[in-house]
Structure formats: structure tokens, C-alpha cells
Amino acid sequence: MKLTEQFGKRLKELRKKAGLSQQGLAELVGMESSNNISKLEAGEQLPKKENLEKLCCALNVEANELFNFGHLKTREELIKILNDRFQKMSLKDLQYFKKISDAFLEL
């Protein structure tokens, strides 16, 4: 996943956590329209240098939080991680995990 896409997902995550709409965040940052926030979240571009600090203030986060996207994985990355873990599990652990996942999927 490209840096712009990762940044966009993280920005959207932090914006929602802060309870802000795209328009609300755009206003706090001083952007002319929510279209700018939309482009950032879609991974079309990174913010201008002067807007980076404004985004941090509006979202009440440090700059490194905007670029902390280690937890944002693609479906393929997650499948690989889980498959690697499954390969190391004992039969008993796999059976237990299956029961847990069955219960989860029933919800």
C-alpha cells in the first residue's frame, strides 16, 4: 500500500475518532472545502507542509500519530500473517481457534 493511501486511511481513522466530519476538519484546518480532506483520505495526495501542523492541532495528535499506520494492513497482508501463525499452532490450538472463529461468525 502506498504512503498516500496509508496516510489517508490513518487520517480518516483519526478524524472519525475525533468525531469530526470532513467539512468540520477542513474548517478547523482552514481549508476552503471538504474536498481537500476527501482527497487526502482517498490517498490521492499528502498534505501540504503548512497543513500538517494544523491537522495535528485539529485532531489533537502529535505528527508521528498521523504516520503511525503499522496496524493498517491490507486483506492479503492479514491473511499472510494469520497463515504464518496457523502454521506454528498445534492441532489443539487450531481446534480452539476454529471454535472461537465459528462463534464470532455467528454474531
PDB file of N, CA and C in Angstrom:
ATOM      1  N   MET A   1       0.849  -1.173   0.000  1.00  0.00           N
ATOM      2  CA  MET A   1       0.000   0.000   0.000  1.00  0.00           C
ATOM      3  C   MET A   1       0.895   1.237   0.000  1.00  0.00           C
ATOM      4  N   LYS A   2       0.550   2.206  -0.834  1.00  0.00           N
ATOM      5  CA  LYS A   2       1.359   3.413  -0.956  1.00  0.00           C
ATOM      6  C   LYS A   2       1.241   4.295   0.288  1.00  0.00           C
ATOM      7  N   LEU A   3       2.247   5.128   0.486  1.00  0.00           N
ATOM      8  CA  LEU A   3       2.267   6.044   1.628  1.00  0.00           C
ATOM      9  C   LEU A   3       1.032   6.935   1.635  1.00  0.00           C
ATOM     10  N   THR A   4       0.656   7.461   0.477  1.00  0.00           N
ATOM     11  CA  THR A   4      -0.515   8.351   0.428  1.00  0.00           C
ATOM     12  C   THR A   4      -1.779   7.612   0.853  1.00  0.00           C
ATOM     13  N   GLU A   5      -1.898   6.348   0.468  1.00  0.00           N
ATOM     14  CA  GLU A   5      -3.070   5.559   0.846  1.00  0.00           C
ATOM     15  C   GLU A   5      -3.072   5.270   2.345  1.00  0.00           C
ATOM     16  N   GLN A   6      -1.907   4.913   2.876  1.00  0.00           N
ATOM     17  CA  GLN A   6      -1.807   4.643   4.310  1.00  0.00           C
ATOM     18  C   GLN A   6      -2.128   5.903   5.110  1.00  0.00           C
ATOM     19  N   PHE A   7      -1.565   7.033   4.664  1.00  0.00           N
ATOM     20  CA  PHE A   7      -1.837   8.291   5.357  1.00  0.00           C
ATOM     21  C   PHE A   7      -3.331   8.596   5.315  1.00  0.00           C
ATOM     22  N   GLY A   8      -3.943   8.401   4.166  1.00  0.00           N
ATOM     23  CA  GLY A   8      -5.370   8.689   4.020  1.00  0.00           C
ATOM     24  C   GLY A   8      -6.227   7.857   4.958  1.00  0.00           C
ATOM     25  N   LYS A   9      -5.923   6.572   5.065  1.00  0.00           N
ATOM     26  CA  LYS A   9      -6.676   5.700   5.975  1.00  0.00           C
ATOM     27  C   LYS A   9      -6.487   6.138   7.422  1.00  0.00           C
ATOM     28  N   ARG A  10      -5.253   6.490   7.759  1.00  0.00           N
ATOM     29  CA  ARG A  10      -4.977   6.917   9.137  1.00  0.00           C
ATOM     30  C   ARG A  10      -5.668   8.240   9.444  1.00  0.00           C
ATOM     31  N   LEU A  11      -5.647   9.171   8.505  1.00  0.00           N
ATOM     32  CA  LEU A  11      -6.313  10.457   8.709  1.00  0.00           C
ATOM     33  C   LEU A  11      -7.809  10.245   8.928  1.00  0.00           C
ATOM     34  N   LYS A  12      -8.413   9.421   8.117  1.00  0.00           N
ATOM     35  CA  LYS A  12      -9.849   9.143   8.260  1.00  0.00           C
ATOM     36  C   LYS A  12     -10.145   8.511   9.613  1.00  0.00           C
ATOM     37  N   GLU A  13      -9.289   7.584  10.031  1.00  0.00           N
ATOM     38  CA  GLU A  13      -9.445   6.931  11.325  1.00  0.00           C
ATOM     39  C   GLU A  13      -9.395   7.957  12.465  1.00  0.00           C
ATOM     40  N   LEU A  14      -8.398   8.840  12.414  1.00  0.00           N
ATOM     41  CA  LEU A  14      -8.248   9.844  13.470  1.00  0.00           C
ATOM     42  C   LEU A  14      -9.370  10.887  13.425  1.00  0.00           C
ATOM     43  N   ARG A  15      -9.812  11.242  12.223  1.00  0.00           N
ATOM     44  CA  ARG A  15     -10.912  12.216  12.089  1.00  0.00           C
ATOM     45  C   ARG A  15     -12.186  11.660  12.711  1.00  0.00           C
ATOM     46  N   LYS A  16     -12.497  10.403  12.402  1.00  0.00           N
ATOM     47  CA  LYS A  16     -13.695   9.784  12.963  1.00  0.00           C
ATOM     48  C   LYS A  16     -13.587   9.636  14.474  1.00  0.00           C
ATOM     49  N   LYS A  17     -12.397   9.273  14.941  1.00  0.00           N
ATOM     50  CA  LYS A  17     -12.166   9.146  16.386  1.00  0.00           C
ATOM     51  C   LYS A  17     -12.411  10.474  17.088  1.00  0.00           C
ATOM     52  N   ALA A  18     -12.072  11.569  16.409  1.00  0.00           N
ATOM     53  CA  ALA A  18     -12.278  12.906  16.973  1.00  0.00           C
ATOM     54  C   ALA A  18     -13.720  13.379  16.822  1.00  0.00           C
ATOM     55  N   GLY A  19     -14.540  12.593  16.123  1.00  0.00           N
ATOM     56  CA  GLY A  19     -15.942  12.943  15.949  1.00  0.00           C
ATOM     57  C   GLY A  19     -16.175  14.088  14.969  1.00  0.00           C
ATOM     58  N   LEU A  20     -15.279  14.199  14.003  1.00  0.00           N
ATOM     59  CA  LEU A  20     -15.368  15.297  13.037  1.00  0.00           C
ATOM     60  C   LEU A  20     -15.804  14.797  11.665  1.00  0.00           C
ATOM     61  N   SER A  21     -16.566  15.612  10.982  1.00  0.00           N
ATOM     62  CA  SER A  21     -16.871  15.348   9.577  1.00  0.00           C
ATOM     63  C   SER A  21     -15.711  15.859   8.744  1.00  0.00           C
ATOM     64  N   GLN A  22     -15.699  15.525   7.471  1.00  0.00           N
ATOM     65  CA  GLN A  22     -14.662  16.071   6.595  1.00  0.00           C
ATOM     66  C   GLN A  22     -14.772  17.589   6.548  1.00  0.00           C
ATOM     67  N   GLN A  23     -15.991  18.092   6.493  1.00  0.00           N
ATOM     68  CA  GLN A  23     -16.200  19.544   6.458  1.00  0.00           C
ATOM     69  C   GLN A  23     -15.703  20.187   7.747  1.00  0.00           C
ATOM     70  N   GLY A  24     -16.010  19.558   8.877  1.00  0.00           N
ATOM     71  CA  GLY A  24     -15.576  20.091  10.165  1.00  0.00           C
ATOM     72  C   GLY A  24     -14.062  20.153  10.271  1.00  0.00           C
ATOM     73  N   LEU A  25     -13.387  19.111   9.821  1.00  0.00           N
ATOM     74  CA  LEU A  25     -11.928  19.104   9.856  1.00  0.00           C
ATOM     75  C   LEU A  25     -11.365  20.144   8.904  1.00  0.00           C
ATOM     76  N   ALA A  26     -11.956  20.238   7.730  1.00  0.00           N
ATOM     77  CA  ALA A  26     -11.498  21.241   6.763  1.00  0.00           C
ATOM     78  C   ALA A  26     -11.596  22.643   7.346  1.00  0.00           C
ATOM     79  N   GLU A  27     -12.674  22.936   8.053  1.00  0.00           N
ATOM     80  CA  GLU A  27     -12.857  24.256   8.664  1.00  0.00           C
ATOM     81  C   GLU A  27     -11.814  24.506   9.748  1.00  0.00           C
ATOM     82  N   LEU A  28     -11.560  23.509  10.579  1.00  0.00           N
ATOM     83  CA  LEU A  28     -10.561  23.666  11.646  1.00  0.00           C
ATOM     84  C   LEU A  28      -9.158  23.897  11.087  1.00  0.00           C
ATOM     85  N   VAL A  29      -8.876  23.279   9.949  1.00  0.00           N
ATOM     86  CA  VAL A  29      -7.556  23.399   9.338  1.00  0.00           C
ATOM     87  C   VAL A  29      -7.451  24.669   8.494  1.00  0.00           C
ATOM     88  N   GLY A  30      -8.602  25.228   8.129  1.00  0.00           N
ATOM     89  CA  GLY A  30      -8.600  26.431   7.305  1.00  0.00           C
ATOM     90  C   GLY A  30      -8.555  26.129   5.819  1.00  0.00           C
ATOM     91  N   MET A  31      -9.026  24.953   5.452  1.00  0.00           N
ATOM     92  CA  MET A  31      -9.086  24.598   4.036  1.00  0.00           C
ATOM     93  C   MET A  31     -10.384  25.135   3.446  1.00  0.00           C
ATOM     94  N   GLU A  32     -10.353  25.428   2.158  1.00  0.00           N
ATOM     95  CA  GLU A  32     -11.510  26.021   1.503  1.00  0.00           C
ATOM     96  C   GLU A  32     -12.704  25.081   1.420  1.00  0.00           C
ATOM     97  N   SER A  33     -12.454  23.786   1.252  1.00  0.00           N
ATOM     98  CA  SER A  33     -13.578  22.854   1.161  1.00  0.00           C
ATOM     99  C   SER A  33     -13.199  21.492   1.709  1.00  0.00           C
ATOM    100  N   SER A  34     -14.231  20.694   1.985  1.00  0.00           N
ATOM    101  CA  SER A  34     -14.003  19.338   2.478  1.00  0.00           C
ATOM    102  C   SER A  34     -13.428  18.445   1.377  1.00  0.00           C
ATOM    103  N   ASN A  35     -13.469  18.915   0.142  1.00  0.00           N
ATOM    104  CA  ASN A  35     -12.902  18.169  -0.979  1.00  0.00           C
ATOM    105  C   ASN A  35     -11.409  17.910  -0.763  1.00  0.00           C
ATOM    106  N   ASN A  36     -10.734  18.851  -0.118  1.00  0.00           N
ATOM    107  CA  ASN A  36      -9.305  18.674   0.173  1.00  0.00           C
ATOM    108  C   ASN A  36      -9.080  17.519   1.149  1.00  0.00           C
ATOM    109  N   ILE A  37      -9.921  17.447   2.171  1.00  0.00           N
ATOM    110  CA  ILE A  37      -9.821  16.351   3.137  1.00  0.00           C
ATOM    111  C   ILE A  37     -10.168  15.040   2.441  1.00  0.00           C
ATOM    112  N   SER A  38     -11.176  15.076   1.588  1.00  0.00           N
ATOM    113  CA  SER A  38     -11.577  13.890   0.840  1.00  0.00           C
ATOM    114  C   SER A  38     -10.420  13.351  -0.004  1.00  0.00           C
ATOM    115  N   LYS A  39      -9.686  14.232  -0.660  1.00  0.00           N
ATOM    116  CA  LYS A  39      -8.543  13.820  -1.476  1.00  0.00           C
ATOM    117  C   LYS A  39      -7.437  13.218  -0.614  1.00  0.00           C
ATOM    118  N   LEU A  40      -7.226  13.797   0.558  1.00  0.00           N
ATOM    119  CA  LEU A  40      -6.220  13.248   1.467  1.00  0.00           C
ATOM    120  C   LEU A  40      -6.621  11.849   1.911  1.00  0.00           C
ATOM    121  N   GLU A  41      -7.879  11.690   2.320  1.00  0.00           N
ATOM    122  CA  GLU A  41      -8.352  10.402   2.818  1.00  0.00           C
ATOM    123  C   GLU A  41      -8.404   9.347   1.725  1.00  0.00           C
ATOM    124  N   ALA A  42      -8.603   9.766   0.499  1.00  0.00           N
ATOM    125  CA  ALA A  42      -8.640   8.820  -0.622  1.00  0.00           C
ATOM    126  C   ALA A  42      -7.245   8.393  -1.053  1.00  0.00           C
ATOM    127  N   GLY A  43      -6.226   9.002  -0.460  1.00  0.00           N
ATOM    128  CA  GLY A  43      -4.852   8.645  -0.799  1.00  0.00           C
ATOM    129  C   GLY A  43      -4.374   9.252  -2.100  1.00  0.00           C
ATOM    130  N   GLU A  44      -5.036  10.322  -2.527  1.00  0.00           N
ATOM    131  CA  GLU A  44      -4.648  10.979  -3.777  1.00  0.00           C
ATOM    132  C   GLU A  44      -3.451  11.904  -3.590  1.00  0.00           C
ATOM    133  N   GLN A  45      -3.248  12.364  -2.363  1.00  0.00           N
ATOM    134  CA  GLN A  45      -2.140  13.288  -2.099  1.00  0.00           C
ATOM    135  C   GLN A  45      -1.819  13.306  -0.616  1.00  0.00           C
ATOM    136  N   LEU A  46      -0.664  13.847  -0.296  1.00  0.00           N
ATOM    137  CA  LEU A  46      -0.274  14.096   1.092  1.00  0.00           C
ATOM    138  C   LEU A  46      -0.558  15.559   1.391  1.00  0.00           C
ATOM    139  N   PRO A  47      -0.701  15.912   2.679  1.00  0.00           N
ATOM    140  CA  PRO A  47      -0.990  17.316   2.996  1.00  0.00           C
ATOM    141  C   PRO A  47       0.213  18.208   2.735  1.00  0.00           C
ATOM    142  N   LYS A  48      -0.091  19.449   2.464  1.00  0.00           N
ATOM    143  CA  LYS A  48       0.981  20.440   2.339  1.00  0.00           C
ATOM    144  C   LYS A  48       1.628  20.601   3.704  1.00  0.00           C
ATOM    145  N   LYS A  49       2.882  20.977   3.684  1.00  0.00           N
ATOM    146  CA  LYS A  49       3.659  21.125   4.923  1.00  0.00           C
ATOM    147  C   LYS A  49       2.955  22.025   5.925  1.00  0.00           C
ATOM    148  N   GLU A  50       2.414  23.135   5.445  1.00  0.00           N
ATOM    149  CA  GLU A  50       1.761  24.080   6.354  1.00  0.00           C
ATOM    150  C   GLU A  50       0.459  23.528   6.941  1.00  0.00           C
ATOM    151  N   ASN A  51      -0.138  22.542   6.287  1.00  0.00           N
ATOM    152  CA  ASN A  51      -1.389  21.966   6.811  1.00  0.00           C
ATOM    153  C   ASN A  51      -1.155  20.810   7.761  1.00  0.00           C
ATOM    154  N   LEU A  52       0.031  20.245   7.738  1.00  0.00           N
ATOM    155  CA  LEU A  52       0.335  19.108   8.602  1.00  0.00           C
ATOM    156  C   LEU A  52       0.189  19.477  10.074  1.00  0.00           C
ATOM    157  N   GLU A  53       0.767  20.591  10.468  1.00  0.00           N
ATOM    158  CA  GLU A  53       0.663  21.031  11.863  1.00  0.00           C
ATOM    159  C   GLU A  53      -0.783  21.377  12.219  1.00  0.00           C
ATOM    160  N   LYS A  54      -1.504  21.965  11.288  1.00  0.00           N
ATOM    161  CA  LYS A  54      -2.912  22.309  11.529  1.00  0.00           C
ATOM    162  C   LYS A  54      -3.755  21.049  11.716  1.00  0.00           C
ATOM    163  N   LEU A  55      -3.456  20.016  10.941  1.00  0.00           N
ATOM    164  CA  LEU A  55      -4.169  18.753  11.106  1.00  0.00           C
ATOM    165  C   LEU A  55      -3.904  18.163  12.494  1.00  0.00           C
ATOM    166  N   CYS A  56      -2.648  18.218  12.910  1.00  0.00           N
ATOM    167  CA  CYS A  56      -2.289  17.708  14.247  1.00  0.00           C
ATOM    168  C   CYS A  56      -3.061  18.439  15.334  1.00  0.00           C
ATOM    169  N   CYS A  57      -3.115  19.755  15.229  1.00  0.00           N
ATOM    170  CA  CYS A  57      -3.836  20.554  16.228  1.00  0.00           C
ATOM    171  C   CYS A  57      -5.328  20.231  16.210  1.00  0.00           C
ATOM    172  N   ALA A  58      -5.895  20.153  15.018  1.00  0.00           N
ATOM    173  CA  ALA A  58      -7.331  19.899  14.892  1.00  0.00           C
ATOM    174  C   ALA A  58      -7.704  18.521  15.433  1.00  0.00           C
ATOM    175  N   LEU A  59      -6.829  17.553  15.249  1.00  0.00           N
ATOM    176  CA  LEU A  59      -7.099  16.188  15.691  1.00  0.00           C
ATOM    177  C   LEU A  59      -6.535  15.899  17.071  1.00  0.00           C
ATOM    178  N   ASN A  60      -5.813  16.874  17.633  1.00  0.00           N
ATOM    179  CA  ASN A  60      -5.201  16.752  18.950  1.00  0.00           C
ATOM    180  C   ASN A  60      -4.264  15.548  19.033  1.00  0.00           C
ATOM    181  N   VAL A  61      -3.371  15.457  18.028  1.00  0.00           N
ATOM    182  CA  VAL A  61      -2.385  14.371  17.977  1.00  0.00           C
ATOM    183  C   VAL A  61      -1.019  14.945  17.630  1.00  0.00           C
ATOM    184  N   GLU A  62       0.015  14.181  17.955  1.00  0.00           N
ATOM    185  CA  GLU A  62       1.367  14.520  17.547  1.00  0.00           C
ATOM    186  C   GLU A  62       1.542  14.109  16.080  1.00  0.00           C
ATOM    187  N   ALA A  63       2.487  14.708  15.407  1.00  0.00           N
ATOM    188  CA  ALA A  63       2.714  14.418  13.986  1.00  0.00           C
ATOM    189  C   ALA A  63       2.995  12.935  13.746  1.00  0.00           C
ATOM    190  N   ASN A  64       3.735  12.309  14.649  1.00  0.00           N
ATOM    191  CA  ASN A  64       4.048  10.888  14.439  1.00  0.00           C
ATOM    192  C   ASN A  64       2.789  10.018  14.460  1.00  0.00           C
ATOM    193  N   GLU A  65       1.724  10.475  15.134  1.00  0.00           N
ATOM    194  CA  GLU A  65       0.481   9.718  15.151  1.00  0.00           C
ATOM    195  C   GLU A  65      -0.185   9.685  13.778  1.00  0.00           C
ATOM    196  N   LEU A  66      -0.003  10.758  13.017  1.00  0.00           N
ATOM    197  CA  LEU A  66      -0.570  10.792  11.666  1.00  0.00           C
ATOM    198  C   LEU A  66       0.107   9.773  10.749  1.00  0.00           C
ATOM    199  N   PHE A  67       1.337   9.425  11.085  1.00  0.00           N
ATOM    200  CA  PHE A  67       2.092   8.487  10.255  1.00  0.00           C
ATOM    201  C   PHE A  67       2.280   7.136  10.936  1.00  0.00           C
ATOM    202  N   ASN A  68       1.480   6.875  11.957  1.00  0.00           N
ATOM    203  CA  ASN A  68       1.533   5.598  12.664  1.00  0.00           C
ATOM    204  C   ASN A  68       0.460   4.686  12.065  1.00  0.00           C
ATOM    205  N   PHE A  69       0.810   3.978  11.008  1.00  0.00           N
ATOM    206  CA  PHE A  69      -0.168   3.109  10.374  1.00  0.00           C
ATOM    207  C   PHE A  69       0.313   1.672  10.266  1.00  0.00           C
ATOM    208  N   GLY A  70       1.074   1.253  11.222  1.00  0.00           N
ATOM    209  CA  GLY A  70       1.514  -0.141  11.243  1.00  0.00           C
ATOM    210  C   GLY A  70       0.358  -1.110  11.419  1.00  0.00           C
ATOM    211  N   HIS A  71      -0.722  -0.644  12.030  1.00  0.00           N
ATOM    212  CA  HIS A  71      -1.884  -1.504  12.249  1.00  0.00           C
ATOM    213  C   HIS A  71      -2.810  -1.564  11.035  1.00  0.00           C
ATOM    214  N   LEU A  72      -2.577  -0.716  10.042  1.00  0.00           N
ATOM    215  CA  LEU A  72      -3.408  -0.705   8.839  1.00  0.00           C
ATOM    216  C   LEU A  72      -2.807  -1.674   7.829  1.00  0.00           C
ATOM    217  N   LYS A  73      -3.411  -2.809   7.703  1.00  0.00           N
ATOM    218  CA  LYS A  73      -2.912  -3.849   6.802  1.00  0.00           C
ATOM    219  C   LYS A  73      -3.944  -4.121   5.728  1.00  0.00           C
ATOM    220  N   THR A  74      -3.476  -4.570   4.582  1.00  0.00           N
ATOM    221  CA  THR A  74      -4.384  -4.991   3.524  1.00  0.00           C
ATOM    222  C   THR A  74      -4.921  -6.376   3.865  1.00  0.00           C
ATOM    223  N   ARG A  75      -5.958  -6.778   3.183  1.00  0.00           N
ATOM    224  CA  ARG A  75      -6.536  -8.106   3.381  1.00  0.00           C
ATOM    225  C   ARG A  75      -5.472  -9.178   3.143  1.00  0.00           C
ATOM    226  N   GLU A  76      -4.697  -9.024   2.080  1.00  0.00           N
ATOM    227  CA  GLU A  76      -3.677 -10.010   1.745  1.00  0.00           C
ATOM    228  C   GLU A  76      -2.600 -10.086   2.824  1.00  0.00           C
ATOM    229  N   GLU A  77      -2.202  -8.930   3.362  1.00  0.00           N
ATOM    230  CA  GLU A  77      -1.189  -8.911   4.423  1.00  0.00           C
ATOM    231  C   GLU A  77      -1.708  -9.625   5.668  1.00  0.00           C
ATOM    232  N   LEU A  78      -2.965  -9.366   6.019  1.00  0.00           N
ATOM    233  CA  LEU A  78      -3.552 -10.012   7.198  1.00  0.00           C
ATOM    234  C   LEU A  78      -3.667 -11.521   7.013  1.00  0.00           C
ATOM    235  N   ILE A  79      -4.062 -11.953   5.822  1.00  0.00           N
ATOM    236  CA  ILE A  79      -4.164 -13.390   5.549  1.00  0.00           C
ATOM    237  C   ILE A  79      -2.796 -14.045   5.684  1.00  0.00           C
ATOM    238  N   LYS A  80      -1.758 -13.398   5.174  1.00  0.00           N
ATOM    239  CA  LYS A  80      -0.408 -13.958   5.284  1.00  0.00           C
ATOM    240  C   LYS A  80       0.021 -14.056   6.748  1.00  0.00           C
ATOM    241  N   ILE A  81      -0.231 -13.006   7.516  1.00  0.00           N
ATOM    242  CA  ILE A  81       0.134 -13.013   8.935  1.00  0.00           C
ATOM    243  C   ILE A  81      -0.582 -14.148   9.659  1.00  0.00           C
ATOM    244  N   LEU A  82      -1.895 -14.261   9.425  1.00  0.00           N
ATOM    245  CA  LEU A  82      -2.662 -15.319  10.092  1.00  0.00           C
ATOM    246  C   LEU A  82      -2.209 -16.703   9.645  1.00  0.00           C
ATOM    247  N   ASN A  83      -1.959 -16.865   8.362  1.00  0.00           N
ATOM    248  CA  ASN A  83      -1.499 -18.162   7.857  1.00  0.00           C
ATOM    249  C   ASN A  83      -0.172 -18.551   8.493  1.00  0.00           C
ATOM    250  N   ASP A  84       0.740 -17.591   8.623  1.00  0.00           N
ATOM    251  CA  ASP A  84       2.020 -17.866   9.280  1.00  0.00           C
ATOM    252  C   ASP A  84       1.810 -18.330  10.720  1.00  0.00           C
ATOM    253  N   ARG A  85       0.866 -17.695  11.403  1.00  0.00           N
ATOM    254  CA  ARG A  85       0.578 -18.078  12.787  1.00  0.00           C
ATOM    255  C   ARG A  85      -0.049 -19.464  12.856  1.00  0.00           C
ATOM    256  N   PHE A  86      -0.984 -19.742  11.928  1.00  0.00           N
ATOM    257  CA  PHE A  86      -1.637 -21.048  11.908  1.00  0.00           C
ATOM    258  C   PHE A  86      -0.629 -22.167  11.699  1.00  0.00           C
ATOM    259  N   GLN A  87       0.379 -21.929  10.865  1.00  0.00           N
ATOM    260  CA  GLN A  87       1.389 -22.947  10.583  1.00  0.00           C
ATOM    261  C   GLN A  87       2.154 -23.350  11.841  1.00  0.00           C
ATOM    262  N   LYS A  88       2.239 -22.449  12.804  1.00  0.00           N
ATOM    263  CA  LYS A  88       3.002 -22.702  14.022  1.00  0.00           C
ATOM    264  C   LYS A  88       2.148 -23.275  15.156  1.00  0.00           C
ATOM    265  N   MET A  89       0.817 -23.285  14.983  1.00  0.00           N
ATOM    266  CA  MET A  89      -0.080 -23.743  16.044  1.00  0.00           C
ATOM    267  C   MET A  89      -0.172 -25.262  16.095  1.00  0.00           C
ATOM    268  N   SER A  90      -0.404 -25.734  17.292  1.00  0.00           N
ATOM    269  CA  SER A  90      -0.654 -27.166  17.473  1.00  0.00           C
ATOM    270  C   SER A  90      -2.079 -27.477  16.998  1.00  0.00           C
ATOM    271  N   LEU A  91      -2.376 -28.753  16.824  1.00  0.00           N
ATOM    272  CA  LEU A  91      -3.719 -29.165  16.416  1.00  0.00           C
ATOM    273  C   LEU A  91      -4.753 -28.688  17.442  1.00  0.00           C
ATOM    274  N   LYS A  92      -4.419 -28.823  18.715  1.00  0.00           N
ATOM    275  CA  LYS A  92      -5.332 -28.411  19.782  1.00  0.00           C
ATOM    276  C   LYS A  92      -5.612 -26.900  19.705  1.00  0.00           C
ATOM    277  N   ASP A  93      -4.576 -26.105  19.486  1.00  0.00           N
ATOM    278  CA  ASP A  93      -4.753 -24.656  19.369  1.00  0.00           C
ATOM    279  C   ASP A  93      -5.586 -24.292  18.135  1.00  0.00           C
ATOM    280  N   LEU A  94      -5.355 -25.001  17.022  1.00  0.00           N
ATOM    281  CA  LEU A  94      -6.139 -24.759  15.812  1.00  0.00           C
ATOM    282  C   LEU A  94      -7.613 -25.079  16.031  1.00  0.00           C
ATOM    283  N   GLN A  95      -7.883 -26.182  16.728  1.00  0.00           N
ATOM    284  CA  GLN A  95      -9.267 -26.551  17.019  1.00  0.00           C
ATOM    285  C   GLN A  95      -9.930 -25.492  17.902  1.00  0.00           C
ATOM    286  N   TYR A  96      -9.203 -25.006  18.880  1.00  0.00           N
ATOM    287  CA  TYR A  96      -9.715 -23.956  19.764  1.00  0.00           C
ATOM    288  C   TYR A  96      -9.984 -22.678  18.969  1.00  0.00           C
ATOM    289  N   PHE A  97      -9.052 -22.309  18.124  1.00  0.00           N
ATOM    290  CA  PHE A  97      -9.228 -21.100  17.316  1.00  0.00           C
ATOM    291  C   PHE A  97     -10.435 -21.242  16.391  1.00  0.00           C
ATOM    292  N   LYS A  98     -10.645 -22.412  15.835  1.00  0.00           N
ATOM    293  CA  LYS A  98     -11.793 -22.638  14.962  1.00  0.00           C
ATOM    294  C   LYS A  98     -13.090 -22.424  15.729  1.00  0.00           C
ATOM    295  N   LYS A  99     -13.166 -22.935  16.965  1.00  0.00           N
ATOM    296  CA  LYS A  99     -14.366 -22.741  17.783  1.00  0.00           C
ATOM    297  C   LYS A  99     -14.619 -21.252  18.034  1.00  0.00           C
ATOM    298  N   ILE A 100     -13.561 -20.528  18.324  1.00  0.00           N
ATOM    299  CA  ILE A 100     -13.695 -19.083  18.566  1.00  0.00           C
ATOM    300  C   ILE A 100     -14.167 -18.367  17.302  1.00  0.00           C
ATOM    301  N   SER A 101     -13.563 -18.703  16.170  1.00  0.00           N
ATOM    302  CA  SER A 101     -13.941 -18.036  14.915  1.00  0.00           C
ATOM    303  C   SER A 101     -15.366 -18.424  14.505  1.00  0.00           C
ATOM    304  N   ASP A 102     -15.782 -19.661  14.754  1.00  0.00           N
ATOM    305  CA  ASP A 102     -17.166 -20.056  14.480  1.00  0.00           C
ATOM    306  C   ASP A 102     -18.142 -19.220  15.310  1.00  0.00           C
ATOM    307  N   ALA A 103     -17.833 -19.050  16.595  1.00  0.00           N
ATOM    308  CA  ALA A 103     -18.695 -18.250  17.466  1.00  0.00           C
ATOM    309  C   ALA A 103     -18.733 -16.785  16.998  1.00  0.00           C
ATOM    310  N   PHE A 104     -17.589 -16.279  16.591  1.00  0.00           N
ATOM    311  CA  PHE A 104     -17.511 -14.889  16.090  1.00  0.00           C
ATOM    312  C   PHE A 104     -18.368 -14.715  14.841  1.00  0.00           C
ATOM    313  N   LEU A 105     -18.282 -15.660  13.918  1.00  0.00           N
ATOM    314  CA  LEU A 105     -19.015 -15.553  12.658  1.00  0.00           C
ATOM    315  C   LEU A 105     -20.519 -15.696  12.861  1.00  0.00           C
ATOM    316  N   GLU A 106     -20.938 -16.365  13.925  1.00  0.00           N
ATOM    317  CA  GLU A 106     -22.364 -16.491  14.223  1.00  0.00           C
ATOM    318  C   GLU A 106     -22.961 -15.160  14.687  1.00  0.00           C
ATOM    319  N   LEU A 107     -22.121 -14.282  15.192  1.00  0.00           N
ATOM    320  CA  LEU A 107     -22.603 -12.967  15.632  1.00  0.00           C
ATOM    321  C   LEU A 107     -22.947 -12.188  14.414  1.00  0.00           C
TER     322      LEU A 107
END
